[in-house]
């Protein structure tokens, strides 16, 4: 991805092999006004750099939660990702972009949306292309309730770990524990390209979002392929990712308040193939017209956030 990002910046440094002290010295030398963390507490993060406070304003964006670092001043989110009632979970001051915290860039290749699979197969196929590790026991139990409540329905799971026969056998056994016959599962592993991966949505009628660690890119990709996603309303940042997508799409009725409603939505939506077919035909255009794909609008909102941070810094400096 680096080759795609580099042309967008006036300067570009790889800090992977540099010490924290060297990175801090470079930041100070370059006179960075606002330093932004894009990882939070994930693998190979460089959060210790922020402890030195090499920039006068420091923020975190795209992090899976609060950094807990007092030297990081702001956390950039959205109204759906961080409701006011959840600000208490953040050590940073929460600043909200007005609609979404990220923008989806459509694939750079043509891939058409097919007709609703259920119309030719005469059964509903639910699907989830998130990492299998997100399918915890609660998620599994709920999805099995859905399969039991929707006659002849099937579930399509796709993740690179399902290229491993042991993981396939283990997954089938987990569903068998809930009396779900293995024949109702389609388990697919690694795809050679993103296009091939997206084409797999041609077999899916309705996508199911896991919880509490919800999908984001996978949710956007499902929507891009005309597949609506049922998501569960959450109580923390990682548990709001699906809401953030659906609310920005105007798909409020695909956000379930609780697990029982998640089940009832799956049953209700799967029983109305005409509605599903209409959604499938229109969902990509609906997405393209939404804040999720409006890059200039998003960039303008992000710019305003940056100026808001810097203006506050200037006022504070002047007052002191």
Protein backbone atom coordinates (compact mmCIF):
# COMPACT_ATOMS: atom_id res chain seq x y z
CA UNK A 1 0.00 0.00 0.00
CA UNK A 2 2.96 2.34 0.59
CA UNK A 3 3.40 2.97 -3.13
CA UNK A 4 -0.19 4.25 -3.30
CA UNK A 5 0.22 6.57 -0.30
CA UNK A 6 3.64 8.08 -1.01
CA UNK A 7 2.57 10.41 -3.89
CA UNK A 8 -0.04 12.01 -1.61
CA UNK A 9 2.53 13.40 0.84
CA UNK A 10 5.13 16.14 0.66
CA UNK A 11 7.51 14.00 2.74
CA UNK A 12 7.54 10.29 3.54
CA UNK A 13 9.67 8.41 6.08
CA UNK A 14 9.70 4.76 6.95
CA UNK A 15 10.26 4.53 10.71
CA UNK A 16 9.95 0.76 11.00
CA UNK A 17 13.64 0.24 11.82
CA UNK A 18 14.26 3.54 13.60
CA UNK A 19 14.50 4.00 17.35
CA UNK A 20 11.95 6.11 19.19
CA UNK A 21 14.65 8.74 19.86
CA UNK A 22 15.51 9.01 16.15
CA UNK A 23 11.84 9.32 15.18
CA UNK A 24 11.25 11.98 17.83
CA UNK A 25 14.29 13.95 16.61
CA UNK A 26 12.97 13.85 13.02
CA UNK A 27 9.50 15.02 14.09
CA UNK A 28 10.99 17.94 16.00
CA UNK A 29 13.33 18.80 13.13
CA UNK A 30 10.44 18.84 10.65
CA UNK A 31 8.39 21.11 12.91
CA UNK A 32 5.29 18.92 12.94
CA UNK A 33 2.33 20.81 14.38
CA UNK A 34 -0.08 17.89 14.81
CA UNK A 35 1.11 14.32 15.29
CA UNK A 36 -1.52 11.63 14.68
CA UNK A 37 -1.45 7.99 15.78
CA UNK A 38 -3.25 5.62 13.38
CA UNK A 39 -2.88 2.36 15.30
CA UNK A 40 -3.63 2.57 19.00
CA UNK A 41 -2.76 -0.56 20.97
CA UNK A 42 -2.26 -2.91 18.01
CA UNK A 43 0.74 -4.92 16.85
CA UNK A 44 3.99 -3.05 16.18
CA UNK A 45 2.51 0.31 17.22
CA UNK A 46 4.76 3.29 17.94
CA UNK A 47 2.75 4.80 20.78
CA UNK A 48 5.86 5.33 22.98
CA UNK A 49 6.87 8.13 20.58
CA UNK A 50 3.94 10.18 21.86
CA UNK A 51 5.24 10.03 25.45
CA UNK A 52 8.06 12.40 24.41
CA UNK A 53 5.46 14.89 23.12
CA UNK A 54 7.48 15.79 20.02
CA UNK A 55 4.57 17.81 18.59
CA UNK A 56 2.53 20.52 20.33
CA UNK A 57 -0.76 18.80 19.44
CA UNK A 58 -1.16 15.02 19.47
CA UNK A 59 -4.18 12.92 18.48
CA UNK A 60 -5.29 9.36 17.80
CA UNK A 61 -7.48 8.37 14.85
CA UNK A 62 -8.55 4.88 13.66
CA UNK A 63 -7.41 3.40 16.98
CA UNK A 64 -9.57 0.54 18.34
CA UNK A 65 -10.10 2.50 21.56
CA UNK A 66 -8.60 5.02 23.92
CA UNK A 67 -4.81 4.96 24.11
CA UNK A 68 -4.84 5.84 27.81
CA UNK A 69 -1.86 8.11 27.17
CA UNK A 70 -2.21 11.54 28.76
CA UNK A 71 0.19 13.08 26.24
CA UNK A 72 -2.33 12.33 23.46
CA UNK A 73 -4.76 15.24 23.53
CA UNK A 74 -7.56 14.16 21.20
CA UNK A 75 -9.36 11.10 19.90
CA UNK A 76 -11.04 11.50 16.51
CA UNK A 77 -14.28 9.57 16.07
CA UNK A 78 -17.86 10.05 14.90
CA UNK A 79 -21.28 10.43 16.59
CA UNK A 80 -22.04 6.75 15.97
CA UNK A 81 -18.67 5.39 17.09
CA UNK A 82 -18.47 7.39 20.30
CA UNK A 83 -21.83 8.49 21.74
CA UNK A 84 -21.59 11.17 24.43
CA UNK A 85 -22.46 8.60 27.10
CA UNK A 86 -19.24 6.71 26.30
CA UNK A 87 -16.80 9.62 26.47
CA UNK A 88 -15.92 8.57 30.01
CA UNK A 89 -13.99 5.61 28.56
CA UNK A 90 -11.44 7.94 26.90
CA UNK A 91 -8.44 9.66 28.44
CA UNK A 92 -8.32 11.91 25.36
CA UNK A 93 -10.79 14.68 24.52
CA UNK A 94 -13.18 13.21 21.97
CA UNK A 95 -13.65 15.15 18.72
CA UNK A 96 -16.26 13.90 16.29
CA UNK A 97 -16.34 14.11 12.55
CA UNK A 98 -19.99 14.89 11.77
CA UNK A 99 -20.82 11.68 9.86
CA UNK A 100 -18.22 8.95 9.53
CA UNK A 101 -14.67 8.55 10.81
CA UNK A 102 -13.45 6.94 7.56
CA UNK A 103 -14.17 6.97 3.86
CA UNK A 104 -14.50 3.92 1.56
CA UNK A 105 -12.63 3.97 -1.73
CA UNK A 106 -14.41 1.82 -4.33
CA UNK A 107 -12.31 -0.91 -5.97
CA UNK A 108 -10.32 0.13 -9.03
CA UNK A 109 -11.82 -2.66 -11.15
CA UNK A 110 -15.24 -3.38 -12.59
CA UNK A 111 -17.33 -6.00 -10.83
CA UNK A 112 -21.05 -6.15 -11.43
CA UNK A 113 -23.73 -7.03 -8.90
CA UNK A 114 -25.64 -10.20 -9.72
CA UNK A 115 -29.30 -10.97 -9.14
CA UNK A 116 -30.40 -12.08 -5.69
CA UNK A 117 -29.08 -15.67 -5.31
CA UNK A 118 -32.22 -16.76 -3.44
CA UNK A 119 -34.35 -16.15 -6.54
CA UNK A 120 -32.65 -18.98 -8.43
CA UNK A 121 -31.64 -21.19 -5.50
CA UNK A 122 -34.94 -21.00 -3.60
CA UNK A 123 -33.16 -20.67 -0.26
CA UNK A 124 -31.51 -17.84 1.66
CA UNK A 125 -27.75 -17.71 2.05
CA UNK A 126 -26.42 -15.74 4.99
CA UNK A 127 -22.75 -14.82 4.93
CA UNK A 128 -19.85 -13.42 6.91
CA UNK A 129 -16.38 -12.73 5.47
CA UNK A 130 -14.88 -11.40 8.71
CA UNK A 131 -11.99 -13.11 10.43
CA UNK A 132 -13.21 -16.38 11.92
CA UNK A 133 -11.72 -15.45 15.30
CA UNK A 134 -14.55 -12.90 15.66
CA UNK A 135 -17.10 -15.74 15.67
CA UNK A 136 -17.13 -16.27 19.42
CA UNK A 137 -19.56 -18.61 21.19
CA UNK A 138 -22.27 -15.94 21.54
CA UNK A 139 -22.12 -15.11 17.85
CA UNK A 140 -22.14 -18.80 16.92
CA UNK A 141 -25.16 -19.51 19.11
CA UNK A 142 -27.13 -16.60 17.61
CA UNK A 143 -26.29 -17.56 14.03
CA UNK A 144 -27.38 -21.12 14.74
CA UNK A 145 -30.70 -19.79 16.05
CA UNK A 146 -31.09 -17.95 12.75
CA UNK A 147 -30.33 -21.06 10.68
CA UNK A 148 -32.84 -23.01 12.76
CA UNK A 149 -35.51 -20.31 12.34
CA UNK A 150 -35.09 -19.88 8.57
CA UNK A 151 -35.88 -23.21 6.85
CA UNK A 152 -33.36 -24.46 4.26
CA UNK A 153 -31.12 -21.44 4.82
CA UNK A 154 -27.36 -21.75 4.53
CA UNK A 155 -24.36 -19.88 5.93
CA UNK A 156 -21.30 -18.91 3.90
CA UNK A 157 -18.16 -18.18 5.93
CA UNK A 158 -14.98 -16.94 4.26
CA UNK A 159 -11.59 -16.39 5.89
CA UNK A 160 -8.04 -17.34 4.88
CA UNK A 161 -7.75 -19.67 7.91
CA UNK A 162 -10.43 -21.84 6.29
CA UNK A 163 -7.80 -22.90 3.75
CA UNK A 164 -6.64 -25.14 6.60
CA UNK A 165 -8.61 -28.45 6.65
CA UNK A 166 -8.27 -28.63 10.45
CA UNK A 167 -10.01 -25.25 10.82
CA UNK A 168 -12.76 -26.40 8.46
CA UNK A 169 -13.35 -29.55 10.50
CA UNK A 170 -13.27 -27.60 13.76
CA UNK A 171 -15.77 -25.05 12.44
CA UNK A 172 -18.17 -27.72 11.21
CA UNK A 173 -17.97 -29.39 14.62
CA UNK A 174 -18.83 -26.14 16.40
CA UNK A 175 -22.03 -25.84 14.36
CA UNK A 176 -22.83 -29.54 14.76
CA UNK A 177 -22.94 -28.93 18.52
CA UNK A 178 -26.05 -26.81 17.82
CA UNK A 179 -27.52 -29.48 15.51
CA UNK A 180 -26.67 -27.57 12.33
CA UNK A 181 -25.94 -30.06 9.56
CA UNK A 182 -22.55 -29.48 7.88
CA UNK A 183 -24.29 -29.46 4.49
CA UNK A 184 -25.76 -26.07 5.40
CA UNK A 185 -22.30 -24.50 5.65
CA UNK A 186 -20.13 -23.18 2.84
CA UNK A 187 -16.59 -22.62 4.11
CA UNK A 188 -14.12 -20.88 1.84
CA UNK A 189 -10.51 -19.95 2.44
CA UNK A 190 -7.97 -17.67 0.83
CA UNK A 191 -8.64 -15.83 -2.45
CA UNK A 192 -5.89 -14.97 -4.92
CA UNK A 193 -7.15 -11.41 -5.41
CA UNK A 194 -9.53 -8.86 -3.95
CA UNK A 195 -11.72 -9.20 -7.02
CA UNK A 196 -12.04 -12.94 -6.45
CA UNK A 197 -12.87 -12.31 -2.81
CA UNK A 198 -15.59 -9.79 -3.66
CA UNK A 199 -17.06 -12.13 -6.27
CA UNK A 200 -17.87 -14.54 -3.47
CA UNK A 201 -20.63 -12.11 -2.42
CA UNK A 202 -22.48 -13.25 -5.56
CA UNK A 203 -23.50 -16.25 -3.44
CA UNK A 204 -24.75 -14.24 -0.42
CA UNK A 205 -28.21 -12.74 0.13
CA UNK A 206 -27.77 -11.26 3.62
CA UNK A 207 -24.55 -10.61 5.55
CA UNK A 208 -24.34 -11.15 9.31
CA UNK A 209 -22.01 -8.96 11.36
CA UNK A 210 -20.14 -10.53 14.30
CA UNK A 211 -19.89 -8.89 17.73
CA UNK A 212 -18.53 -7.31 19.84
CA UNK A 213 -15.61 -6.95 17.37
CA UNK A 214 -17.61 -5.90 14.33
CA UNK A 215 -16.55 -5.67 10.73
CA UNK A 216 -15.79 -2.42 8.95
CA UNK A 217 -14.00 -2.98 5.64
CA UNK A 218 -15.86 -6.27 5.23
CA UNK A 219 -19.16 -4.51 5.91
CA UNK A 220 -18.39 -1.84 3.33
CA UNK A 221 -17.36 -4.48 0.79
CA UNK A 222 -20.57 -6.45 1.35
CA UNK A 223 -22.60 -3.29 0.78
CA UNK A 224 -20.54 -2.50 -2.33
CA UNK A 225 -21.63 -5.88 -3.71
CA UNK A 226 -25.29 -5.16 -2.95
CA UNK A 227 -25.46 -7.31 0.17
CA UNK A 228 -27.14 -5.64 3.20
CA UNK A 229 -25.65 -6.35 6.63
CA UNK A 230 -27.50 -7.01 9.89
CA UNK A 231 -25.53 -5.43 12.74
CA UNK A 232 -26.03 -5.39 16.50
CA UNK A 233 -26.10 -2.11 18.41
CA UNK A 234 -23.08 -1.93 20.67
CA UNK A 235 -21.73 -0.35 23.84
CA UNK A 236 -18.09 0.47 22.96
CA UNK A 237 -16.10 1.79 20.01
CA UNK A 238 -15.30 -1.56 18.38
CA UNK A 239 -18.93 -2.56 18.89
CA UNK A 240 -20.21 0.46 16.93
CA UNK A 241 -18.42 -0.11 13.60
CA UNK A 242 -21.44 -1.70 11.93
CA UNK A 243 -23.77 1.03 13.16
CA UNK A 244 -21.41 3.65 11.76
CA UNK A 245 -21.76 2.10 8.29
CA UNK A 246 -25.49 1.39 8.32
CA UNK A 247 -26.54 4.74 9.81
CA UNK A 248 -24.46 6.61 7.23
CA UNK A 249 -26.16 4.53 4.53
CA UNK A 250 -29.63 5.31 5.86
CA UNK A 251 -30.04 1.59 6.67
CA UNK A 252 -31.22 2.24 10.23
CA UNK A 253 -33.65 -0.67 10.18
CA UNK A 254 -30.72 -3.08 9.71
CA UNK A 255 -29.35 -2.17 13.16
CA UNK A 256 -30.71 -4.51 15.85
CA UNK A 257 -31.16 -3.26 19.41
CA UNK A 258 -30.47 -6.70 20.92
CA UNK A 259 -29.86 -10.32 19.96
CA UNK A 260 -33.55 -11.21 19.81
CA UNK A 261 -34.18 -8.38 17.37
CA UNK A 262 -31.11 -9.45 15.37
CA UNK A 263 -32.78 -12.86 15.03
CA UNK A 264 -36.20 -11.43 14.17
CA UNK A 265 -34.65 -9.13 11.54
CA UNK A 266 -32.89 -12.07 9.92
CA UNK A 267 -36.17 -13.99 9.77
CA UNK A 268 -38.20 -11.01 8.53
CA UNK A 269 -35.74 -9.83 5.87
CA UNK A 270 -35.13 -13.35 4.56
CA UNK A 271 -38.86 -13.84 4.02
CA UNK A 272 -39.15 -10.87 1.66
CA UNK A 273 -37.16 -11.70 -1.47
CA UNK A 274 -38.70 -8.80 -3.43
CA UNK A 275 -37.37 -6.32 -0.91
CA UNK A 276 -33.96 -8.00 -0.85
CA UNK A 277 -33.79 -7.94 -4.64
CA UNK A 278 -34.61 -4.21 -4.68
CA UNK A 279 -31.98 -3.47 -2.04
CA UNK A 280 -29.42 -5.49 -4.01
CA UNK A 281 -30.04 -3.50 -7.18
CA UNK A 282 -29.84 -0.11 -5.45
CA UNK A 283 -27.40 -0.51 -2.55
CA UNK A 284 -24.20 0.35 -4.44
CA UNK A 285 -25.62 3.61 -5.76
CA UNK A 286 -27.00 4.35 -2.31
CA UNK A 287 -23.50 3.87 -0.93
CA UNK A 288 -21.89 6.06 -3.59
CA UNK A 289 -24.27 8.90 -2.68
CA UNK A 290 -23.65 8.49 1.07
CA UNK A 291 -20.97 10.09 3.28
CA UNK A 292 -19.12 6.75 3.19
CA UNK A 293 -17.91 7.40 -0.37
CA UNK A 294 -17.80 11.19 -0.46
CA UNK A 295 -14.04 11.72 -0.13
CA UNK A 296 -14.01 15.52 -0.73
CA UNK A 297 -16.71 16.01 1.91
CA UNK A 298 -14.85 13.78 4.35
CA UNK A 299 -11.57 15.60 3.69
CA UNK A 300 -13.24 18.94 4.36
CA UNK A 301 -14.62 17.68 7.68
CA UNK A 302 -11.21 16.29 8.64
CA UNK A 303 -9.53 19.57 7.77
CA UNK A 304 -11.95 21.42 10.04
CA UNK A 305 -11.11 19.04 12.89
CA UNK A 306 -7.39 19.72 12.44
CA UNK A 307 -7.91 23.49 12.44
CA UNK A 308 -10.10 23.15 15.53
CA UNK A 309 -7.23 21.41 17.36
CA UNK A 310 -4.66 23.97 16.26
CA UNK A 311 -6.88 26.99 16.98
CA UNK A 312 -7.39 25.77 20.53
CA UNK A 313 -3.64 25.34 20.90
CA UNK A 314 -3.02 28.88 19.70
CA UNK A 315 -5.64 30.32 22.05
CA UNK A 316 -4.13 28.43 24.98
CA UNK A 317 -0.63 29.65 24.12
CA UNK A 318 -1.82 33.23 23.81
CA UNK A 319 -3.73 33.13 27.11
CA UNK A 320 -0.73 31.75 28.99
